[in-house]
Every structure is written in structure tokens, then in C-alpha cells.
């Protein structure tokens, strides 16, 4: 297995040491996989079964990284302006 060495500022190194319970190697692996899957998704619009399994395991999908579409943003803003009603219980809906 390959090994990667990173340069860190003294301050960041101290903060990382304070979080000894964190598995930094696993975080780096997951973030690298996410980046590779995302780049592949942007190029092909698809992900492999193996990539899908990884995504399910960490509860993430490449579309999570995409910006919101403008029409969706407009819809959200228009709904914010709508008058709403306050209900005291679920029974009031029925």
C-alpha cells in the first residue's frame, strides 16, 4: 500500500494531535474517493456499482456536490413569500 506525506503548519499539527481519536487516513481515503467519483460523474453522468456501494456506505452521492439549479432557487424564494397557516396538531389537516 502506498503512503502519502503532507506538510502541515505547526498550528494545524497541534490541532490534529488534539483529535487523536480521528482516523485521518480513513478521512483522506474517503475524500479522495469522493473527488474521483465526482469527477467521473461529471464526465460520464454515471457511477459504477463499486462506486455506488461506496456512496451508500458513507451516505453520499455526487449530485450532493452540484449547485442548486436557478429555477429551484426561484421556487424556494417564491414559496418563502407565500402565506402559511399554523396548525396545532396533525388532526387539523384531516
Protein backbone atom coordinates (compact mmCIF):
# COMPACT_ATOMS: atom_id res chain seq x y z
CA UNK A 1 0.00 0.00 0.00
CA UNK A 2 1.28 3.47 -0.85
CA UNK A 3 1.92 6.17 1.70
CA UNK A 4 1.42 9.94 1.38
CA UNK A 5 3.24 12.61 3.37
CA UNK A 6 1.67 16.04 3.88
CA UNK A 7 3.13 19.32 5.08
CA UNK A 8 1.10 20.96 7.86
CA UNK A 9 1.51 24.18 9.75
CA UNK A 10 2.57 23.79 13.37
CA UNK A 11 -0.83 25.08 14.49
CA UNK A 12 -2.75 22.55 12.37
CA UNK A 13 -0.46 19.74 13.52
CA UNK A 14 -1.24 20.64 17.15
CA UNK A 15 -4.98 20.68 16.46
CA UNK A 16 -4.78 17.29 14.75
CA UNK A 17 -2.88 15.82 17.68
CA UNK A 18 -5.68 17.02 19.97
CA UNK A 19 -8.07 14.89 17.90
CA UNK A 20 -6.24 11.61 18.38
CA UNK A 21 -9.48 9.61 18.10
CA UNK A 22 -9.94 10.68 14.44
CA UNK A 23 -8.78 8.23 11.78
CA UNK A 24 -7.18 10.76 9.44
CA UNK A 25 -6.15 8.11 6.94
CA UNK A 26 -9.76 6.99 6.54
CA UNK A 27 -10.92 10.58 6.09
CA UNK A 28 -8.27 11.17 3.42
CA UNK A 29 -9.26 7.93 1.64
CA UNK A 30 -12.97 8.81 1.66
CA UNK A 31 -12.42 12.37 0.47
CA UNK A 32 -10.11 11.18 -2.31
CA UNK A 33 -12.67 8.58 -3.42
CA UNK A 34 -15.43 11.20 -3.34
CA UNK A 35 -13.34 13.50 -5.52
CA UNK A 36 -12.59 10.73 -8.04
CA UNK A 37 -16.23 9.60 -8.16
CA UNK A 38 -17.44 13.19 -8.54
CA UNK A 39 -15.02 13.91 -11.39
CA UNK A 40 -16.07 10.68 -13.13
CA UNK A 41 -19.75 11.54 -12.60
CA UNK A 42 -19.28 14.97 -14.18
CA UNK A 43 -17.63 13.39 -17.23
CA UNK A 44 -19.92 10.39 -17.73
CA UNK A 45 -23.09 11.11 -15.76
CA UNK A 46 -22.84 7.62 -14.29
CA UNK A 47 -21.14 5.72 -11.48
CA UNK A 48 -20.09 2.08 -11.28
CA UNK A 49 -21.61 -0.49 -8.93
CA UNK A 50 -18.46 -0.37 -6.81
CA UNK A 51 -18.67 3.42 -6.60
CA UNK A 52 -22.38 3.19 -5.78
CA UNK A 53 -21.61 0.79 -2.91
CA UNK A 54 -19.03 3.26 -1.56
CA UNK A 55 -21.52 6.14 -1.85
CA UNK A 56 -24.20 4.18 0.00
CA UNK A 57 -21.73 3.25 2.75
CA UNK A 58 -20.92 6.89 3.51
CA UNK A 59 -24.43 8.22 2.69
CA UNK A 60 -23.20 10.50 -0.09
CA UNK A 61 -23.89 10.92 -3.81
CA UNK A 62 -22.08 13.05 -6.42
CA UNK A 63 -25.21 15.13 -7.03
CA UNK A 64 -24.85 16.33 -3.42
CA UNK A 65 -21.92 18.43 -4.66
CA UNK A 66 -23.72 20.06 -7.57
CA UNK A 67 -25.02 23.61 -7.16
CA UNK A 68 -28.78 24.17 -6.97
CA UNK A 69 -30.44 24.97 -10.28
CA UNK A 70 -31.61 28.57 -10.68
CA UNK A 71 -35.26 27.56 -11.23
CA UNK A 72 -35.18 25.62 -7.96
CA UNK A 73 -33.75 28.63 -6.11
CA UNK A 74 -36.54 30.80 -7.55
CA UNK A 75 -39.17 28.27 -6.49
CA UNK A 76 -37.80 28.25 -2.93
CA UNK A 77 -37.85 32.03 -2.78
CA UNK A 78 -41.42 32.23 -4.09
CA UNK A 79 -42.60 29.67 -1.51
CA UNK A 80 -40.95 31.64 1.27
CA UNK A 81 -43.16 34.60 0.31
CA UNK A 82 -46.39 32.58 0.37
CA UNK A 83 -48.68 32.97 3.33
CA UNK A 84 -48.61 29.97 5.62
CA UNK A 85 -51.00 28.72 8.25
CA UNK A 86 -50.11 27.42 11.68
CA UNK A 87 -51.59 24.13 12.81
CA UNK A 88 -51.69 22.93 16.38
CA UNK A 89 -51.97 19.24 15.57
CA UNK A 90 -51.96 16.72 12.75
CA UNK A 91 -55.69 16.20 13.20
CA UNK A 92 -56.33 19.72 11.89
CA UNK A 93 -55.02 18.59 8.49
CA UNK A 94 -57.57 15.77 8.27
